């Protein structure tokens, strides 16, 4: 071990016991190796204590990395860490989720959030310092994961996904035009609801993965959208948007002659684009929702404004698309949450 190249060891830190123990041993046998503690940003008691030079009690701690959620670190662990630890790093919830994903992809192990702290810290450290050609160790310290938490992790693990709120003119063709400006990037979510109070413009929530091999690709997409008249706001880091608004975008609206349909198509690169191009008809799209869940089939919810007299023509057009579809216009859920009728709701 003495002759092995090793530059730093990253250690999860809650109360500081493991960090202090690792630091005490490593500094005795390999004093040249850095020992770096990693904490969740919303439970960074050791980071605050080392910065202040005294034990600090946090007012509250986040519970996502519950195995390392400690308000007050130990007095002895503080003494040892203050003397021997080379530095501390804090990581966000999304960075922890990404570390869980990376660990699974690399070693097929599913770490709990606290167990993935060191991996998240190592990744952040190397990226911020542009480090290559060095050897690091991340101590993974737990795999107490349940499916409820895993569902959240899968939603937040992809750091490459970016979310935009885009304003487009409410006119035929702009929906496809917006998508064409983002293509061929992988669109993972697309949400739109017609707003009768603002019939001159529409607000779209769209998430996609920039091409990582192209420098500043995300900003390039935003510039392209702006130059084509599509004002946009980056909401990728907005907790409200990621946790709630993306699931609530749209809401109820009074839309004359609206019909609601669910479509399914085989999920593959470019599948959503082919679906959009197939919607080549004159009826207005009043609602659109797509979310890529990694399934074999893509599922899209589409609202169309179709007068009753066009029902036969509508059926012919839908059958000609070649996609499996189900009409949901009479669904109670649609009536309760997406359609405003100016009458009494079904639950009253």
Protein backbone atom coordinates (compact mmCIF):
# COMPACT_ATOMS: atom_id res chain seq x y z
CA UNK A 1 0.00 0.00 0.00
CA UNK A 2 2.88 2.38 0.80
CA UNK A 3 4.21 2.24 -2.75
CA UNK A 4 0.79 2.55 -4.39
CA UNK A 5 -0.10 5.92 -5.88
CA UNK A 6 -2.93 7.39 -3.85
CA UNK A 7 -3.72 11.09 -3.79
CA UNK A 8 -6.84 11.43 -1.66
CA UNK A 9 -9.55 9.53 0.19
CA UNK A 10 -13.11 10.85 0.30
CA UNK A 11 -15.17 9.95 3.37
CA UNK A 12 -18.84 10.39 4.21
CA UNK A 13 -19.38 12.57 7.27
CA UNK A 14 -22.36 12.74 9.62
CA UNK A 15 -21.26 12.96 13.25
CA UNK A 16 -17.65 12.61 12.13
CA UNK A 17 -16.74 9.21 13.61
CA UNK A 18 -15.77 7.48 10.38
CA UNK A 19 -14.02 10.58 9.04
CA UNK A 20 -11.98 10.97 12.24
CA UNK A 21 -11.07 7.28 12.31
CA UNK A 22 -9.98 7.16 8.68
CA UNK A 23 -7.99 10.38 9.06
CA UNK A 24 -6.22 9.13 12.20
CA UNK A 25 -5.12 5.91 10.49
CA UNK A 26 -4.25 7.34 7.06
CA UNK A 27 -2.22 10.23 8.44
CA UNK A 28 -0.16 7.74 10.47
CA UNK A 29 0.68 5.37 7.60
CA UNK A 30 0.41 7.72 4.60
CA UNK A 31 0.62 11.35 5.75
CA UNK A 32 0.99 12.45 2.11
CA UNK A 33 -2.54 11.26 1.25
CA UNK A 34 -5.29 13.85 1.62
CA UNK A 35 -8.39 12.96 3.63
CA UNK A 36 -11.47 14.88 2.53
CA UNK A 37 -14.85 14.74 4.24
CA UNK A 38 -18.11 14.97 2.32
CA UNK A 39 -21.42 16.20 3.73
CA UNK A 40 -24.88 16.88 2.36
CA UNK A 41 -25.27 20.61 1.78
CA UNK A 42 -28.33 20.71 4.06
CA UNK A 43 -26.58 18.80 6.89
CA UNK A 44 -23.07 20.24 6.86
CA UNK A 45 -22.31 20.34 10.58
CA UNK A 46 -18.62 19.40 10.30
CA UNK A 47 -18.04 21.90 7.51
CA UNK A 48 -19.54 24.68 9.61
CA UNK A 49 -17.64 23.60 12.73
CA UNK A 50 -14.23 23.47 11.02
CA UNK A 51 -14.90 26.84 9.44
CA UNK A 52 -15.82 28.39 12.79
CA UNK A 53 -13.11 26.57 14.76
CA UNK A 54 -15.65 25.23 17.25
CA UNK A 55 -18.54 22.79 17.47
CA UNK A 56 -21.56 24.24 15.70
CA UNK A 57 -25.12 23.03 16.26
CA UNK A 58 -27.28 23.31 13.16
CA UNK A 59 -30.83 24.64 13.46
CA UNK A 60 -32.11 21.88 11.19
CA UNK A 61 -30.82 19.18 8.86
CA UNK A 62 -32.11 17.70 5.63
CA UNK A 63 -33.12 14.07 5.84
CA UNK A 64 -32.47 12.82 2.31
CA UNK A 65 -29.05 11.51 3.37
CA UNK A 66 -30.55 10.44 6.70
CA UNK A 67 -27.60 8.21 7.59
CA UNK A 68 -25.47 11.35 7.87
CA UNK A 69 -28.05 13.84 9.15
CA UNK A 70 -26.60 15.12 12.43
CA UNK A 71 -27.26 18.50 14.05
CA UNK A 72 -24.26 18.44 16.39
CA UNK A 73 -21.00 16.62 15.67
CA UNK A 74 -19.07 14.87 18.46
CA UNK A 75 -16.50 16.80 20.48
CA UNK A 76 -13.75 14.20 20.03
CA UNK A 77 -14.46 13.74 16.33
CA UNK A 78 -14.27 17.51 15.91
CA UNK A 79 -10.90 17.61 17.68
CA UNK A 80 -9.43 14.88 15.46
CA UNK A 81 -10.91 16.21 12.22
CA UNK A 82 -9.83 19.76 13.00
CA UNK A 83 -6.26 18.50 13.33
CA UNK A 84 -6.05 15.91 10.54
CA UNK A 85 -8.70 16.40 7.84
CA UNK A 86 -7.47 18.26 4.76
CA UNK A 87 -10.81 19.67 3.64
CA UNK A 88 -14.57 19.35 3.41
CA UNK A 89 -16.93 19.26 0.44
CA UNK A 90 -20.71 19.68 0.45
CA UNK A 91 -22.95 18.16 -2.22
CA UNK A 92 -26.57 18.75 -3.23
CA UNK A 93 -29.38 16.23 -3.30
CA UNK A 94 -29.18 16.03 -7.10
CA UNK A 95 -25.43 15.38 -6.93
CA UNK A 96 -26.04 12.55 -4.45
CA UNK A 97 -28.67 11.04 -6.76
CA UNK A 98 -26.24 11.25 -9.66
CA UNK A 99 -23.59 9.47 -7.56
CA UNK A 100 -26.04 6.64 -6.82
CA UNK A 101 -26.66 6.28 -10.55
CA UNK A 102 -22.94 6.35 -11.38
CA UNK A 103 -22.22 3.68 -8.76
CA UNK A 104 -24.93 1.45 -10.14
CA UNK A 105 -23.76 1.88 -13.74
CA UNK A 106 -20.15 1.16 -12.77
CA UNK A 107 -20.44 -1.60 -10.17
CA UNK A 108 -24.12 -2.65 -10.20
CA UNK A 109 -24.54 -1.70 -6.55
CA UNK A 110 -27.36 0.48 -5.22
CA UNK A 111 -26.09 2.82 -2.52
CA UNK A 112 -28.24 4.71 -0.06
CA UNK A 113 -27.88 8.53 -0.16
CA UNK A 114 -25.46 8.69 2.79
CA UNK A 115 -23.48 5.82 1.31
CA UNK A 116 -23.04 7.73 -1.95
CA UNK A 117 -21.82 10.97 -0.35
CA UNK A 118 -18.14 10.17 -0.88
CA UNK A 119 -18.69 9.33 -4.56
CA UNK A 120 -20.59 12.59 -5.05
CA UNK A 121 -17.81 14.54 -3.33
CA UNK A 122 -15.08 12.86 -5.38
CA UNK A 123 -16.91 13.66 -8.62
CA UNK A 124 -17.47 17.29 -7.63
CA UNK A 125 -13.85 17.72 -6.50
CA UNK A 126 -12.32 16.37 -9.72
CA UNK A 127 -14.68 18.36 -11.93
CA UNK A 128 -14.15 21.65 -10.09
CA UNK A 129 -10.36 21.28 -10.12
CA UNK A 130 -10.08 19.72 -13.58
CA UNK A 131 -8.05 16.84 -12.16
CA UNK A 132 -6.85 13.93 -14.31
CA UNK A 133 -4.18 11.27 -13.85
CA UNK A 134 -4.55 10.98 -10.08
CA UNK A 135 -5.84 8.16 -7.89
CA UNK A 136 -8.70 8.70 -5.45
CA UNK A 137 -10.67 6.43 -3.14
CA UNK A 138 -14.32 6.97 -2.18
CA UNK A 139 -15.52 5.04 0.86
CA UNK A 140 -19.07 3.84 0.21
CA UNK A 141 -20.77 3.31 3.52
CA UNK A 142 -24.30 1.99 3.16
CA UNK A 143 -26.95 0.46 0.90
CA UNK A 144 -30.16 0.88 2.89
CA UNK A 145 -32.35 1.85 -0.08
CA UNK A 146 -36.11 1.41 -0.50
CA UNK A 147 -38.22 1.70 -3.64
CA UNK A 148 -39.95 4.94 -2.62
CA UNK A 149 -36.61 6.69 -2.33
CA UNK A 150 -35.29 4.99 -5.44
CA UNK A 151 -38.17 6.49 -7.42
CA UNK A 152 -37.06 9.97 -6.35
CA UNK A 153 -33.43 9.16 -7.13
CA UNK A 154 -34.29 8.05 -10.66
CA UNK A 155 -36.05 11.37 -11.30
CA UNK A 156 -33.18 13.50 -10.04
CA UNK A 157 -30.10 11.45 -10.94
CA UNK A 158 -29.57 12.75 -14.46
CA UNK A 159 -27.53 15.92 -14.01
CA UNK A 160 -27.42 16.38 -17.77
CA UNK A 161 -31.17 17.04 -17.97
CA UNK A 162 -31.98 20.74 -18.27
CA UNK A 163 -35.42 22.31 -17.90
CA UNK A 164 -36.68 25.39 -19.74
CA UNK A 165 -39.86 27.43 -19.46
CA UNK A 166 -40.49 28.68 -23.00
CA UNK A 167 -43.00 31.27 -24.21
CA UNK A 168 -44.22 30.74 -27.77
CA UNK A 169 -46.77 32.57 -29.94
CA UNK A 170 -50.15 30.80 -29.88
CA UNK A 171 -50.42 30.04 -33.58
CA UNK A 172 -50.43 26.86 -35.71
CA UNK A 173 -47.03 25.33 -36.29
CA UNK A 174 -45.07 26.92 -33.43
CA UNK A 175 -45.26 23.74 -31.34
CA UNK A 176 -43.38 21.74 -33.96
CA UNK A 177 -41.07 24.68 -34.68
CA UNK A 178 -40.00 24.76 -31.03
CA UNK A 179 -39.23 21.05 -31.05
CA UNK A 180 -37.27 21.33 -34.31
CA UNK A 181 -34.98 23.95 -32.74
CA UNK A 182 -34.05 21.52 -29.97
CA UNK A 183 -33.77 18.42 -32.17
CA UNK A 184 -31.69 16.18 -32.29
CA UNK A 185 -31.17 16.48 -28.54
CA UNK A 186 -33.06 13.95 -26.44
CA UNK A 187 -36.27 15.59 -25.18
CA UNK A 188 -37.34 13.97 -21.91
CA UNK A 189 -40.42 16.05 -21.09
CA UNK A 190 -42.82 18.29 -22.99
CA UNK A 191 -45.81 19.96 -21.28
CA UNK A 192 -48.29 22.47 -22.66
CA UNK A 193 -51.82 23.62 -21.82
CA UNK A 194 -53.88 26.13 -23.77
CA UNK A 195 -54.73 29.19 -21.66
CA UNK A 196 -57.98 30.84 -22.69
CA UNK A 197 -57.01 34.02 -20.80
CA UNK A 198 -53.83 34.42 -22.88
CA UNK A 199 -54.77 33.27 -26.35
CA UNK A 200 -51.86 35.18 -27.94
CA UNK A 201 -49.08 33.15 -26.31
CA UNK A 202 -48.42 29.80 -24.66
CA UNK A 203 -46.03 28.64 -21.95
CA UNK A 204 -44.19 25.37 -22.51
CA UNK A 205 -42.19 23.34 -19.99
CA UNK A 206 -39.59 21.30 -21.81
CA UNK A 207 -36.66 19.26 -20.52
CA UNK A 208 -33.88 17.81 -22.63
CA UNK A 209 -30.30 16.57 -22.53
CA UNK A 210 -27.70 18.87 -24.14
CA UNK A 211 -24.99 17.27 -26.25
CA UNK A 212 -22.14 16.95 -23.75
CA UNK A 213 -19.46 16.79 -26.44
CA UNK A 214 -20.43 20.28 -27.63
CA UNK A 215 -19.16 23.02 -25.33
CA UNK A 216 -21.90 25.34 -24.03
CA UNK A 217 -24.51 23.41 -26.02
CA UNK A 218 -27.26 24.32 -23.55
CA UNK A 219 -26.61 28.04 -23.89
CA UNK A 220 -26.44 27.56 -27.65
CA UNK A 221 -29.94 26.09 -27.63
CA UNK A 222 -31.23 28.97 -25.52
CA UNK A 223 -29.68 31.52 -27.88
CA UNK A 224 -31.24 29.75 -30.87
CA UNK A 225 -34.66 29.80 -29.21
CA UNK A 226 -34.36 33.48 -28.36
CA UNK A 227 -33.26 34.45 -31.87
CA UNK A 228 -36.35 32.68 -33.23
CA UNK A 229 -38.68 34.63 -30.96
CA UNK A 230 -39.07 32.04 -28.20
CA UNK A 231 -38.35 33.69 -24.85
CA UNK A 232 -37.06 31.16 -22.34
CA UNK A 233 -36.01 30.83 -18.71
CA UNK A 234 -33.63 28.21 -17.32
CA UNK A 235 -35.42 26.57 -14.38
CA UNK A 236 -33.10 23.54 -14.11
CA UNK A 237 -31.96 24.49 -10.62
CA UNK A 238 -35.37 25.58 -9.33
CA UNK A 239 -36.55 23.20 -6.61
CA UNK A 240 -40.19 24.27 -7.02
CA UNK A 241 -40.05 23.52 -10.74
CA UNK A 242 -38.34 20.14 -10.35
CA UNK A 243 -40.44 18.92 -7.43
CA UNK A 244 -43.90 20.33 -8.16
CA UNK A 245 -44.50 22.58 -11.16
CA UNK A 246 -43.35 20.04 -13.76
CA UNK A 247 -46.17 17.77 -12.50
CA UNK A 248 -48.78 20.55 -12.32
CA UNK A 249 -48.07 22.60 -15.46
CA UNK A 250 -51.28 23.54 -17.23
CA UNK A 251 -54.22 23.09 -14.93
CA UNK A 252 -57.88 23.54 -15.78
CA UNK A 253 -58.98 25.55 -18.78
CA UNK A 254 -62.15 26.29 -20.73
CA UNK A 255 -61.41 24.96 -24.21
CA UNK A 256 -64.32 24.73 -26.66
CA UNK A 257 -64.74 21.40 -28.49
CA UNK A 258 -61.75 19.83 -26.73
CA UNK A 259 -61.20 16.09 -27.10
CA UNK A 260 -58.55 14.25 -25.08
CA UNK A 261 -56.50 11.29 -26.35
CA UNK A 262 -53.73 9.06 -24.99
CA UNK A 263 -51.25 7.79 -27.57
CA UNK A 264 -48.57 5.10 -27.36
CA UNK A 265 -45.61 4.63 -29.66
CA UNK A 266 -42.46 2.48 -29.52
CA UNK A 267 -39.82 4.49 -27.63
CA UNK A 268 -36.61 5.00 -29.59
CA UNK A 269 -34.33 7.89 -30.60
CA UNK A 270 -36.40 10.33 -32.65
CA UNK A 271 -39.72 8.66 -31.78
CA UNK A 272 -41.24 11.83 -30.31
CA UNK A 273 -40.22 13.84 -33.37
CA UNK A 274 -41.85 11.30 -35.68
CA UNK A 275 -45.01 11.44 -33.57
CA UNK A 276 -45.13 15.24 -33.73
CA UNK A 277 -44.62 15.25 -37.48
CA UNK A 278 -47.47 12.78 -37.87
CA UNK A 279 -49.88 15.24 -36.22
CA UNK A 280 -50.34 17.03 -39.52
CA UNK A 281 -53.89 18.33 -39.35
CA UNK A 282 -55.67 21.65 -39.00
CA UNK A 283 -57.15 21.18 -35.52
CA UNK A 284 -55.57 23.14 -32.72
CA UNK A 285 -53.51 21.25 -30.13
CA UNK A 286 -54.82 22.51 -26.77
CA UNK A 287 -52.91 20.17 -24.46
CA UNK A 288 -49.74 18.13 -24.79
CA UNK A 289 -47.83 16.11 -22.23
CA UNK A 290 -44.93 13.71 -22.72
CA UNK A 291 -42.46 12.32 -20.20
CA UNK A 292 -39.73 9.81 -21.00
CA UNK A 293 -39.72 7.20 -18.23
CA UNK A 294 -37.26 4.84 -19.89
CA UNK A 295 -40.07 2.46 -20.86
CA UNK A 296 -40.35 0.52 -24.11
CA UNK A 297 -43.26 2.72 -25.11
CA UNK A 298 -43.61 6.48 -25.15
CA UNK A 299 -46.92 7.81 -23.82
CA UNK A 300 -48.36 11.15 -24.89
CA UNK A 301 -51.51 12.94 -23.77
CA UNK A 302 -52.95 15.23 -26.45
CA UNK A 303 -55.91 17.61 -26.41
CA UNK A 304 -57.46 18.60 -29.76
CA UNK A 305 -60.12 21.21 -30.51
CA UNK A 306 -62.43 19.35 -32.88
CA UNK A 307 -66.01 20.50 -33.65
CA UNK A 308 -68.63 17.74 -33.42
CA UNK A 309 -69.26 17.91 -37.16
CA UNK A 310 -65.66 16.75 -37.75
CA UNK A 311 -65.96 13.56 -35.69
CA UNK A 312 -65.90 11.20 -38.67
CA UNK A 313 -62.92 12.99 -40.19
CA UNK A 314 -61.14 12.88 -36.82
CA UNK A 315 -61.56 9.11 -36.55
CA UNK A 316 -60.18 8.62 -40.03
CA UNK A 317 -57.17 10.81 -39.30
CA UNK A 318 -56.40 9.12 -35.98
CA UNK A 319 -56.66 5.66 -37.52
CA UNK A 320 -54.30 6.76 -40.26
CA UNK A 321 -51.60 7.79 -37.79
CA UNK A 322 -50.75 4.17 -37.06
CA UNK A 323 -50.44 4.70 -33.30
CA UNK A 324 -52.43 3.00 -30.56
CA UNK A 325 -54.72 5.55 -28.94
CA UNK A 326 -57.49 5.82 -26.34
CA UNK A 327 -59.99 8.66 -26.04
CA UNK A 328 -60.24 10.06 -22.50
CA UNK A 329 -62.70 12.92 -23.06
CA UNK A 330 -65.26 11.32 -20.72
CA UNK A 331 -62.73 10.41 -18.04
CA UNK A 332 -63.66 11.85 -14.63
CA UNK A 333 -60.01 12.70 -13.91
CA UNK A 334 -59.94 14.89 -17.02
CA UNK A 335 -63.15 16.62 -15.95
CA UNK A 336 -61.86 17.25 -12.44
CA UNK A 337 -58.32 18.43 -13.07
CA UNK A 338 -57.95 19.62 -16.66
CA UNK A 339 -61.30 20.82 -17.91
CA UNK A 340 -63.27 23.80 -16.64
CA UNK A 341 -66.95 23.69 -17.61
CA UNK A 342 -68.35 26.72 -15.74
CA UNK A 343 -70.75 24.27 -14.17
CA UNK A 344 -70.78 22.12 -11.08
CA UNK A 345 -67.85 19.81 -10.61
CA UNK A 346 -68.49 16.09 -10.46
CA UNK A 347 -67.51 15.88 -6.77
CA UNK A 348 -70.06 18.47 -5.68
